[in-house]
Amino acid sequence: MITAPGGQRESEEDPVATPPPQHGAGPYTPYTPYAPQQGGPHGPYAAGPGLPGLPGPYGVPQHYECRICGSVPAAAATVRGHQGLLVLMRFLRVEGPLCRNCGLATYRRMTSDTLWQGWWGPLSLFITPVTLLMNLGPRAAFHRLAPPSGSILPPLDPGRPLWRRPPALVLLVLTVLLSFSLPTLVVLGILAGEDKPPALTAGMCVRNVGDWKDQELLVVDCGSLDAQYRVHAPPCTGLEYVTDLKYSADGMDFSCLTPLR
């Protein structure tokens, strides 16, 4: 208790024991926690562009914007390309986020270039197909997006579909030709077969253009200078040659060759 002048008594309260006033119930004091007024000049900020899944201000999730034109929605996809340079090689990529138009334009351009630039090297023959398959994932992600809106710059023009571009058409034609050429060669090989040796009979004259371990007998005219041996049936003498079994009609008999000179 404090006695004021004039004999009046005033009470003195302990400031520590007195709870601070709640926000909105009185003027600001050092004990009043600061909180911005909703809707006022210091109200909560709206969510800005950024990575999805990461919390923005006040826990509001953020969203992608296209890195080329600034439109939404956009997908965080990476388009890849490859160039084979005989001994060296180059690995190319364009990282998102990209909207549907910019993403499809990038995918079609880099894939089309890879179709004719990616095969020129030993390792590139294996890397190029892998690169083309990896681009199918971003392509599907771009197709799932809605049309771009709210762009700062004009989105890229996707252009013609990939299968209507010259590199893809050339690769398609080569693939079709190769797929038909292999069966065609197999069929021609079966129909043609190996050249069957001639069946020799007694009285014929032949010429051997090979060696005696691997005979290659050709039937010639007996009066020509090319005639070397005359064919007759066994038994053979010690001065005569013996034909391979393949020169008989049934493949089981042999003939004797008598030198003509």
C-alpha atoms as a PDB file:
ATOM      1  CA  MET A   1       0.000   0.000   0.000  1.00  0.00           C
ATOM      2  CA  ILE A   2       1.197   3.534  -0.838  1.00  0.00           C
ATOM      3  CA  THR A   3      -0.123   6.633   0.965  1.00  0.00           C
ATOM      4  CA  ALA A   4      -0.653   9.466  -1.462  1.00  0.00           C
ATOM      5  CA  PRO A   5      -0.435  13.115  -0.442  1.00  0.00           C
ATOM      6  CA  GLY A   6      -3.618  14.217   1.326  1.00  0.00           C
ATOM      7  CA  GLY A   7      -3.971  10.955   3.230  1.00  0.00           C
ATOM      8  CA  GLN A   8      -5.417   8.938   0.400  1.00  0.00           C
ATOM      9  CA  ARG A   9      -4.243   5.400  -0.044  1.00  0.00           C
ATOM     10  CA  GLU A  10      -3.508   3.848  -3.394  1.00  0.00           C
ATOM     11  CA  SER A  11      -2.853   0.212  -4.127  1.00  0.00           C
ATOM     12  CA  GLU A  12       0.282  -0.887  -6.083  1.00  0.00           C
ATOM     13  CA  GLU A  13      -0.085  -4.085  -8.080  1.00  0.00           C
ATOM     14  CA  ASP A  14       2.819  -6.303  -9.001  1.00  0.00           C
ATOM     15  CA  PRO A  15       3.284  -5.961 -12.820  1.00  0.00           C
ATOM     16  CA  VAL A  16       4.661  -9.460 -13.022  1.00  0.00           C
ATOM     17  CA  ALA A  17       1.568 -10.984 -11.445  1.00  0.00           C
ATOM     18  CA  THR A  18      -0.754  -9.088 -13.787  1.00  0.00           C
ATOM     19  CA  PRO A  19      -1.341 -11.027 -17.054  1.00  0.00           C
ATOM     20  CA  PRO A  20      -0.759  -9.041 -20.235  1.00  0.00           C
ATOM     21  CA  PRO A  21      -3.822  -8.110 -22.246  1.00  0.00           C
ATOM     22  CA  GLN A  22      -4.687 -10.356 -25.154  1.00  0.00           C
ATOM     23  CA  HIS A  23      -4.311  -9.171 -28.738  1.00  0.00           C
ATOM     24  CA  GLY A  24      -7.331  -7.126 -29.746  1.00  0.00           C
ATOM     25  CA  ALA A  25      -8.368  -6.474 -26.181  1.00  0.00           C
ATOM     26  CA  GLY A  26      -6.169  -3.416 -25.619  1.00  0.00           C
ATOM     27  CA  PRO A  27      -3.177  -1.413 -26.818  1.00  0.00           C
ATOM     28  CA  TYR A  28       0.078  -3.058 -27.754  1.00  0.00           C
ATOM     29  CA  THR A  29       2.440  -3.712 -24.858  1.00  0.00           C
ATOM     30  CA  PRO A  30       5.791  -5.506 -24.687  1.00  0.00           C
ATOM     31  CA  TYR A  31       3.883  -8.612 -23.554  1.00  0.00           C
ATOM     32  CA  THR A  32       1.480  -8.600 -26.512  1.00  0.00           C
ATOM     33  CA  PRO A  33       2.408 -11.180 -29.178  1.00  0.00           C
ATOM     34  CA  TYR A  34       2.507  -9.749 -32.693  1.00  0.00           C
ATOM     35  CA  ALA A  35       0.119 -11.218 -35.231  1.00  0.00           C
ATOM     36  CA  PRO A  36      -0.737  -9.577 -38.554  1.00  0.00           C
ATOM     37  CA  GLN A  37      -4.352  -8.670 -39.164  1.00  0.00           C
ATOM     38  CA  GLN A  38      -6.138 -10.859 -41.665  1.00  0.00           C
ATOM     39  CA  GLY A  39      -6.804  -8.922 -44.831  1.00  0.00           C
ATOM     40  CA  GLY A  40      -4.736  -5.948 -43.705  1.00  0.00           C
ATOM     41  CA  PRO A  41      -1.662  -4.476 -45.293  1.00  0.00           C
ATOM     42  CA  HIS A  42       0.501  -7.036 -43.458  1.00  0.00           C
ATOM     43  CA  GLY A  43      -1.731 -10.035 -44.109  1.00  0.00           C
ATOM     44  CA  PRO A  44      -0.476 -13.475 -45.221  1.00  0.00           C
ATOM     45  CA  TYR A  45       1.400 -13.625 -48.515  1.00  0.00           C
ATOM     46  CA  ALA A  46      -0.002 -15.634 -51.406  1.00  0.00           C
ATOM     47  CA  ALA A  47       1.903 -18.705 -52.536  1.00  0.00           C
ATOM     48  CA  GLY A  48       4.470 -17.959 -55.193  1.00  0.00           C
ATOM     49  CA  PRO A  49       5.996 -20.181 -57.862  1.00  0.00           C
ATOM     50  CA  GLY A  50       8.334 -22.895 -56.743  1.00  0.00           C
ATOM     51  CA  LEU A  51       8.768 -26.619 -56.406  1.00  0.00           C
ATOM     52  CA  PRO A  52       5.706 -28.738 -55.619  1.00  0.00           C
ATOM     53  CA  GLY A  53       5.826 -30.673 -52.431  1.00  0.00           C
ATOM     54  CA  LEU A  54       7.840 -27.929 -50.686  1.00  0.00           C
ATOM     55  CA  PRO A  55       5.807 -25.716 -48.346  1.00  0.00           C
ATOM     56  CA  GLY A  56       5.533 -22.074 -49.318  1.00  0.00           C
ATOM     57  CA  PRO A  57       4.808 -19.194 -46.898  1.00  0.00           C
ATOM     58  CA  TYR A  58       2.397 -20.203 -44.125  1.00  0.00           C
ATOM     59  CA  GLY A  59       2.477 -23.819 -45.291  1.00  0.00           C
ATOM     60  CA  VAL A  60       0.738 -23.144 -48.631  1.00  0.00           C
ATOM     61  CA  PRO A  61       2.101 -25.590 -51.290  1.00  0.00           C
ATOM     62  CA  GLN A  62       3.934 -24.108 -54.261  1.00  0.00           C
ATOM     63  CA  HIS A  63       3.467 -24.879 -57.971  1.00  0.00           C
ATOM     64  CA  TYR A  64       5.568 -25.130 -61.123  1.00  0.00           C
ATOM     65  CA  GLU A  65       5.834 -22.491 -63.834  1.00  0.00           C
ATOM     66  CA  CYS A  66       7.343 -23.140 -67.279  1.00  0.00           C
ATOM     67  CA  ARG A  67      10.960 -22.008 -67.354  1.00  0.00           C
ATOM     68  CA  ILE A  68      10.632 -20.906 -71.002  1.00  0.00           C
ATOM     69  CA  CYS A  69       7.346 -19.009 -71.183  1.00  0.00           C
ATOM     70  CA  GLY A  70       6.266 -18.766 -67.520  1.00  0.00           C
ATOM     71  CA  SER A  71       2.871 -20.406 -68.066  1.00  0.00           C
ATOM     72  CA  VAL A  72       1.119 -22.951 -65.866  1.00  0.00           C
ATOM     73  CA  PRO A  73       0.731 -25.856 -65.434  1.00  0.00           C
ATOM     74  CA  ALA A  74       4.188 -27.308 -66.024  1.00  0.00           C
ATOM     75  CA  ALA A  75       5.867 -30.660 -65.427  1.00  0.00           C
ATOM     76  CA  ALA A  76       9.296 -31.192 -63.871  1.00  0.00           C
ATOM     77  CA  ALA A  77      10.618 -33.463 -66.644  1.00  0.00           C
ATOM     78  CA  THR A  78      14.044 -33.726 -68.291  1.00  0.00           C
ATOM     79  CA  VAL A  79      14.336 -34.285 -72.056  1.00  0.00           C
ATOM     80  CA  ARG A  80      17.585 -35.919 -73.218  1.00  0.00           C
ATOM     81  CA  GLY A  81      19.508 -36.102 -76.471  1.00  0.00           C
ATOM     82  CA  HIS A  82      22.634 -37.856 -77.735  1.00  0.00           C
ATOM     83  CA  GLN A  83      25.218 -37.198 -80.428  1.00  0.00           C
ATOM     84  CA  GLY A  84      27.709 -39.804 -81.583  1.00  0.00           C
ATOM     85  CA  LEU A  85      30.991 -38.355 -82.889  1.00  0.00           C
ATOM     86  CA  LEU A  86      32.790 -41.586 -83.944  1.00  0.00           C
ATOM     87  CA  VAL A  87      35.291 -41.597 -81.071  1.00  0.00           C
ATOM     88  CA  LEU A  88      33.693 -38.941 -78.842  1.00  0.00           C
ATOM     89  CA  MET A  89      30.056 -38.426 -77.875  1.00  0.00           C
ATOM     90  CA  ARG A  90      27.837 -35.749 -76.359  1.00  0.00           C
ATOM     91  CA  PHE A  91      25.051 -36.149 -73.822  1.00  0.00           C
ATOM     92  CA  LEU A  92      22.430 -33.393 -74.065  1.00  0.00           C
ATOM     93  CA  ARG A  93      19.502 -32.538 -71.805  1.00  0.00           C
ATOM     94  CA  VAL A  94      16.955 -29.798 -71.161  1.00  0.00           C
ATOM     95  CA  GLU A  95      15.566 -29.734 -67.631  1.00  0.00           C
ATOM     96  CA  GLY A  96      12.073 -28.608 -66.722  1.00  0.00           C
ATOM     97  CA  PRO A  97       9.703 -27.439 -65.520  1.00  0.00           C
ATOM     98  CA  LEU A  98       8.084 -27.130 -68.946  1.00  0.00           C
ATOM     99  CA  CYS A  99       4.489 -26.556 -70.008  1.00  0.00           C
ATOM    100  CA  ARG A 100       2.774 -28.801 -72.519  1.00  0.00           C
ATOM    101  CA  ASN A 101       3.660 -26.766 -75.638  1.00  0.00           C
ATOM    102  CA  CYS A 102       7.257 -26.028 -74.657  1.00  0.00           C
ATOM    103  CA  GLY A 103       7.752 -29.597 -73.419  1.00  0.00           C
ATOM    104  CA  LEU A 104       6.436 -31.242 -76.595  1.00  0.00           C
ATOM    105  CA  ALA A 105       8.428 -28.836 -78.780  1.00  0.00           C
ATOM    106  CA  THR A 106      11.615 -29.661 -76.849  1.00  0.00           C
ATOM    107  CA  TYR A 107      10.916 -33.404 -76.886  1.00  0.00           C
ATOM    108  CA  ARG A 108      10.231 -33.534 -80.616  1.00  0.00           C
ATOM    109  CA  ARG A 109      13.256 -31.416 -81.528  1.00  0.00           C
ATOM    110  CA  MET A 110      15.778 -33.308 -79.374  1.00  0.00           C
ATOM    111  CA  THR A 111      14.393 -36.735 -80.249  1.00  0.00           C
ATOM    112  CA  SER A 112      14.393 -35.911 -83.966  1.00  0.00           C
ATOM    113  CA  ASP A 113      18.021 -34.757 -83.761  1.00  0.00           C
ATOM    114  CA  THR A 114      18.986 -37.901 -81.838  1.00  0.00           C
ATOM    115  CA  LEU A 115      17.439 -40.112 -84.511  1.00  0.00           C
ATOM    116  CA  TRP A 116      20.017 -39.008 -87.082  1.00  0.00           C
ATOM    117  CA  GLN A 117      22.901 -37.749 -84.910  1.00  0.00           C
ATOM    118  CA  GLY A 118      23.019 -40.441 -82.258  1.00  0.00           C
ATOM    119  CA  TRP A 119      24.242 -43.510 -84.154  1.00  0.00           C
ATOM    120  CA  TRP A 120      27.727 -42.428 -85.261  1.00  0.00           C
ATOM    121  CA  GLY A 121      29.916 -44.264 -82.777  1.00  0.00           C
ATOM    122  CA  PRO A 122      30.463 -47.776 -81.377  1.00  0.00           C
ATOM    123  CA  LEU A 123      28.989 -47.015 -77.951  1.00  0.00           C
ATOM    124  CA  SER A 124      26.397 -44.642 -79.406  1.00  0.00           C
ATOM    125  CA  LEU A 125      24.718 -47.591 -81.128  1.00  0.00           C
ATOM    126  CA  PHE A 126      23.655 -48.777 -77.665  1.00  0.00           C
ATOM    127  CA  ILE A 127      23.237 -45.386 -75.950  1.00  0.00           C
ATOM    128  CA  THR A 128      20.902 -43.906 -78.570  1.00  0.00           C
ATOM    129  CA  PRO A 129      18.077 -46.480 -78.125  1.00  0.00           C
ATOM    130  CA  VAL A 130      18.279 -46.021 -74.346  1.00  0.00           C
ATOM    131  CA  THR A 131      18.034 -42.238 -74.767  1.00  0.00           C
ATOM    132  CA  LEU A 132      14.983 -42.569 -77.017  1.00  0.00           C
ATOM    133  CA  LEU A 133      13.258 -44.820 -74.487  1.00  0.00           C
ATOM    134  CA  MET A 134      14.040 -42.451 -71.604  1.00  0.00           C
ATOM    135  CA  ASN A 135      12.293 -39.603 -73.446  1.00  0.00           C
ATOM    136  CA  LEU A 136       8.992 -41.498 -73.484  1.00  0.00           C
ATOM    137  CA  GLY A 137       8.414 -40.666 -69.804  1.00  0.00           C
ATOM    138  CA  PRO A 138       8.661 -36.866 -70.244  1.00  0.00           C
ATOM    139  CA  ARG A 139       6.542 -37.096 -73.393  1.00  0.00           C
ATOM    140  CA  ALA A 140       3.731 -38.772 -71.439  1.00  0.00           C
ATOM    141  CA  ALA A 141       4.027 -36.167 -68.663  1.00  0.00           C
ATOM    142  CA  PHE A 142       3.673 -33.297 -71.146  1.00  0.00           C
ATOM    143  CA  HIS A 143       0.639 -34.882 -72.802  1.00  0.00           C
ATOM    144  CA  ARG A 144      -1.124 -35.120 -69.425  1.00  0.00           C
ATOM    145  CA  LEU A 145      -0.871 -31.365 -68.829  1.00  0.00           C
ATOM    146  CA  ALA A 146      -3.661 -28.906 -69.531  1.00  0.00           C
ATOM    147  CA  PRO A 147      -3.099 -26.215 -72.194  1.00  0.00           C
ATOM    148  CA  PRO A 148      -0.724 -23.491 -70.971  1.00  0.00           C
ATOM    149  CA  SER A 149      -2.172 -20.286 -69.535  1.00  0.00           C
ATOM    150  CA  GLY A 150      -0.890 -17.130 -67.889  1.00  0.00           C
ATOM    151  CA  SER A 151       2.333 -17.111 -69.908  1.00  0.00           C
ATOM    152  CA  ILE A 152       4.761 -14.218 -69.841  1.00  0.00           C
ATOM    153  CA  LEU A 153       6.261 -15.106 -73.232  1.00  0.00           C
ATOM    154  CA  PRO A 154       4.593 -17.009 -76.084  1.00  0.00           C
ATOM    155  CA  PRO A 155       4.963 -20.792 -75.608  1.00  0.00           C
ATOM    156  CA  LEU A 156       7.009 -22.732 -78.149  1.00  0.00           C
ATOM    157  CA  ASP A 157       5.257 -24.243 -81.153  1.00  0.00           C
ATOM    158  CA  PRO A 158       5.309 -28.075 -80.854  1.00  0.00           C
ATOM    159  CA  GLY A 159       5.406 -28.372 -84.648  1.00  0.00           C
ATOM    160  CA  ARG A 160       4.716 -31.575 -86.563  1.00  0.00           C
ATOM    161  CA  PRO A 161       4.478 -34.895 -84.702  1.00  0.00           C
ATOM    162  CA  LEU A 162       7.699 -36.856 -84.487  1.00  0.00           C
ATOM    163  CA  TRP A 163       6.628 -39.608 -86.878  1.00  0.00           C
ATOM    164  CA  ARG A 164       6.017 -36.995 -89.609  1.00  0.00           C
ATOM    165  CA  ARG A 165       9.543 -35.557 -89.492  1.00  0.00           C
ATOM    166  CA  PRO A 166      12.261 -36.686 -91.994  1.00  0.00           C
ATOM    167  CA  PRO A 167      14.614 -38.421 -89.484  1.00  0.00           C
ATOM    168  CA  ALA A 168      11.779 -40.524 -88.094  1.00  0.00           C
ATOM    169  CA  LEU A 169      10.525 -41.394 -91.586  1.00  0.00           C
ATOM    170  CA  VAL A 170      14.011 -42.488 -92.709  1.00  0.00           C
ATOM    171  CA  LEU A 171      14.420 -44.653 -89.609  1.00  0.00           C
ATOM    172  CA  LEU A 172      10.968 -46.151 -90.150  1.00  0.00           C
ATOM    173  CA  VAL A 173      11.757 -47.023 -93.780  1.00  0.00           C
ATOM    174  CA  LEU A 174      15.082 -48.623 -92.808  1.00  0.00           C
ATOM    175  CA  THR A 175      13.393 -50.641 -90.076  1.00  0.00           C
ATOM    176  CA  VAL A 176      10.745 -51.925 -92.489  1.00  0.00           C
ATOM    177  CA  LEU A 177      13.363 -52.836 -95.109  1.00  0.00           C
ATOM    178  CA  LEU A 178      15.503 -54.686 -92.593  1.00  0.00           C
ATOM    179  CA  SER A 179      12.507 -56.548 -91.180  1.00  0.00           C
ATOM    180  CA  PHE A 180      11.552 -57.772 -94.650  1.00  0.00           C
ATOM    181  CA  SER A 181      15.059 -58.329 -96.022  1.00  0.00           C
ATOM    182  CA  LEU A 182      16.115 -60.960 -93.479  1.00  0.00           C
ATOM    183  CA  PRO A 183      13.159 -63.330 -94.101  1.00  0.00           C
ATOM    184  CA  THR A 184      13.555 -62.734 -97.845  1.00  0.00           C
ATOM    185  CA  LEU A 185      17.210 -63.767 -97.761  1.00  0.00           C
ATOM    186  CA  VAL A 186      16.352 -66.867 -95.757  1.00  0.00           C
ATOM    187  CA  VAL A 187      13.674 -67.907 -98.243  1.00  0.00           C
ATOM    188  CA  LEU A 188      15.973 -67.294-101.222  1.00  0.00           C
ATOM    189  CA  GLY A 189      18.694 -69.350 -99.571  1.00  0.00           C
ATOM    190  CA  ILE A 190      16.299 -72.225 -98.988  1.00  0.00           C
ATOM    191  CA  LEU A 191      14.933 -72.119-102.545  1.00  0.00           C
ATOM    192  CA  ALA A 192      18.318 -71.789-104.186  1.00  0.00           C
ATOM    193  CA  GLY A 193      20.181 -74.283-102.012  1.00  0.00           C
ATOM    194  CA  GLU A 194      23.699 -75.330-102.781  1.00  0.00           C
ATOM    195  CA  ASP A 195      24.744 -76.190-106.325  1.00  0.00           C
ATOM    196  CA  LYS A 196      24.398 -79.948-106.624  1.00  0.00           C
ATOM    197  CA  PRO A 197      27.455 -81.666-108.164  1.00  0.00           C
ATOM    198  CA  PRO A 198      26.850 -83.377-111.521  1.00  0.00           C
ATOM    199  CA  ALA A 199      26.157 -87.128-111.531  1.00  0.00           C
ATOM    200  CA  LEU A 200      29.014 -88.731-113.484  1.00  0.00           C
ATOM    201  CA  THR A 201      28.514 -91.709-115.789  1.00  0.00           C
ATOM    202  CA  ALA A 202      30.983 -93.848-117.698  1.00  0.00           C
ATOM    203  CA  GLY A 203      32.339 -92.204-120.843  1.00  0.00           C
ATOM    204  CA  MET A 204      32.159 -88.617-119.625  1.00  0.00           C
ATOM    205  CA  CYS A 205      35.219 -86.377-119.540  1.00  0.00           C
ATOM    206  CA  VAL A 206      35.884 -84.033-116.650  1.00  0.00           C
ATOM    207  CA  ARG A 207      38.329 -81.401-115.470  1.00  0.00           C
ATOM    208  CA  ASN A 208      39.311 -80.976-111.796  1.00  0.00           C
ATOM    209  CA  VAL A 209      39.607 -77.267-110.844  1.00  0.00           C
ATOM    210  CA  GLY A 210      40.186 -78.074-107.176  1.00  0.00           C
ATOM    211  CA  ASP A 211      42.547 -80.338-105.310  1.00  0.00           C
ATOM    212  CA  TRP A 212      42.038 -84.066-104.723  1.00  0.00           C
ATOM    213  CA  LYS A 213      41.084 -83.570-101.078  1.00  0.00           C
ATOM    214  CA  ASP A 214      38.354 -81.157-102.095  1.00  0.00           C
ATOM    215  CA  GLN A 215      37.389 -82.178-105.609  1.00  0.00           C
ATOM    216  CA  GLU A 216      35.582 -79.821-107.938  1.00  0.00           C
ATOM    217  CA  LEU A 217      34.940 -81.746-111.140  1.00  0.00           C
ATOM    218  CA  LEU A 218      33.476 -80.011-114.184  1.00  0.00           C
ATOM    219  CA  VAL A 219      32.014 -81.967-117.120  1.00  0.00           C
ATOM    220  CA  VAL A 220      33.707 -80.922-120.384  1.00  0.00           C
ATOM    221  CA  ASP A 221      33.779 -82.131-123.982  1.00  0.00           C
ATOM    222  CA  CYS A 222      36.136 -85.049-124.472  1.00  0.00           C
ATOM    223  CA  GLY A 223      37.614 -83.463-127.626  1.00  0.00           C
ATOM    224  CA  SER A 224      38.484 -80.147-125.963  1.00  0.00           C
ATOM    225  CA  LEU A 225      41.827 -79.222-124.473  1.00  0.00           C
ATOM    226  CA  ASP A 226      40.166 -78.821-121.067  1.00  0.00           C
ATOM    227  CA  ALA A 227      39.432 -82.539-120.768  1.00  0.00           C
ATOM    228  CA  GLN A 228      41.789 -84.119-118.221  1.00  0.00           C
ATOM    229  CA  TYR A 229      40.109 -87.409-117.182  1.00  0.00           C
ATOM    230  CA  ARG A 230      37.672 -89.927-118.598  1.00  0.00           C
ATOM    231  CA  VAL A 231      35.121 -91.514-116.303  1.00  0.00           C
ATOM    232  CA  HIS A 232      34.601 -95.280-116.162  1.00  0.00           C
ATOM    233  CA  ALA A 233      33.106 -97.703-113.698  1.00  0.00           C
ATOM    234  CA  PRO A 234      35.237 -99.473-111.083  1.00  0.00           C
ATOM    235  CA  PRO A 235      37.427-101.388-110.451  1.00  0.00           C
ATOM    236  CA  CYS A 236      40.143 -98.734-110.635  1.00  0.00           C
ATOM    237  CA  THR A 237      43.821 -99.367-111.261  1.00  0.00           C
ATOM    238  CA  GLY A 238      46.605 -97.895-109.189  1.00  0.00           C
ATOM    239  CA  LEU A 239      47.212 -95.154-111.786  1.00  0.00           C
ATOM    240  CA  GLU A 240      43.654 -93.858-111.756  1.00  0.00           C
ATOM    241  CA  TYR A 241      41.878 -91.409-109.495  1.00  0.00           C
ATOM    242  CA  VAL A 242      38.691 -92.065-107.543  1.00  0.00           C
ATOM    243  CA  THR A 243      35.787 -89.605-107.471  1.00  0.00           C
ATOM    244  CA  ASP A 244      33.958 -88.482-104.349  1.00  0.00           C
ATOM    245  CA  LEU A 245      30.652 -90.144-103.582  1.00  0.00           C
ATOM    246  CA  LYS A 246      28.860 -86.829-104.167  1.00  0.00           C
ATOM    247  CA  TYR A 247      29.412 -87.279-107.940  1.00  0.00           C
ATOM    248  CA  SER A 248      27.236 -90.403-108.079  1.00  0.00           C
ATOM    249  CA  ALA A 249      23.525 -90.395-108.705  1.00  0.00           C
ATOM    250  CA  ASP A 250      22.653 -92.028-105.377  1.00  0.00           C
ATOM    251  CA  GLY A 251      25.577 -90.603-103.381  1.00  0.00           C
ATOM    252  CA  MET A 252      26.836 -94.075-102.489  1.00  0.00           C
ATOM    253  CA  ASP A 253      29.039 -95.126-105.456  1.00  0.00           C
ATOM    254  CA  PHE A 254      32.312 -93.838-106.831  1.00  0.00           C
ATOM    255  CA  SER A 255      33.799 -93.758-110.316  1.00  0.00           C
ATOM    256  CA  CYS A 256      37.288 -94.086-111.720  1.00  0.00           C
ATOM    257  CA  LEU A 257      39.115 -91.279-113.559  1.00  0.00           C
ATOM    258  CA  THR A 258      41.634 -92.208-116.211  1.00  0.00           C
ATOM    259  CA  PRO A 259      44.081 -89.446-117.198  1.00  0.00           C
ATOM    260  CA  LEU A 260      43.847 -88.482-120.864  1.00  0.00           C
ATOM    261  CA  ARG A 261      47.426 -87.225-121.080  1.00  0.00           C
END
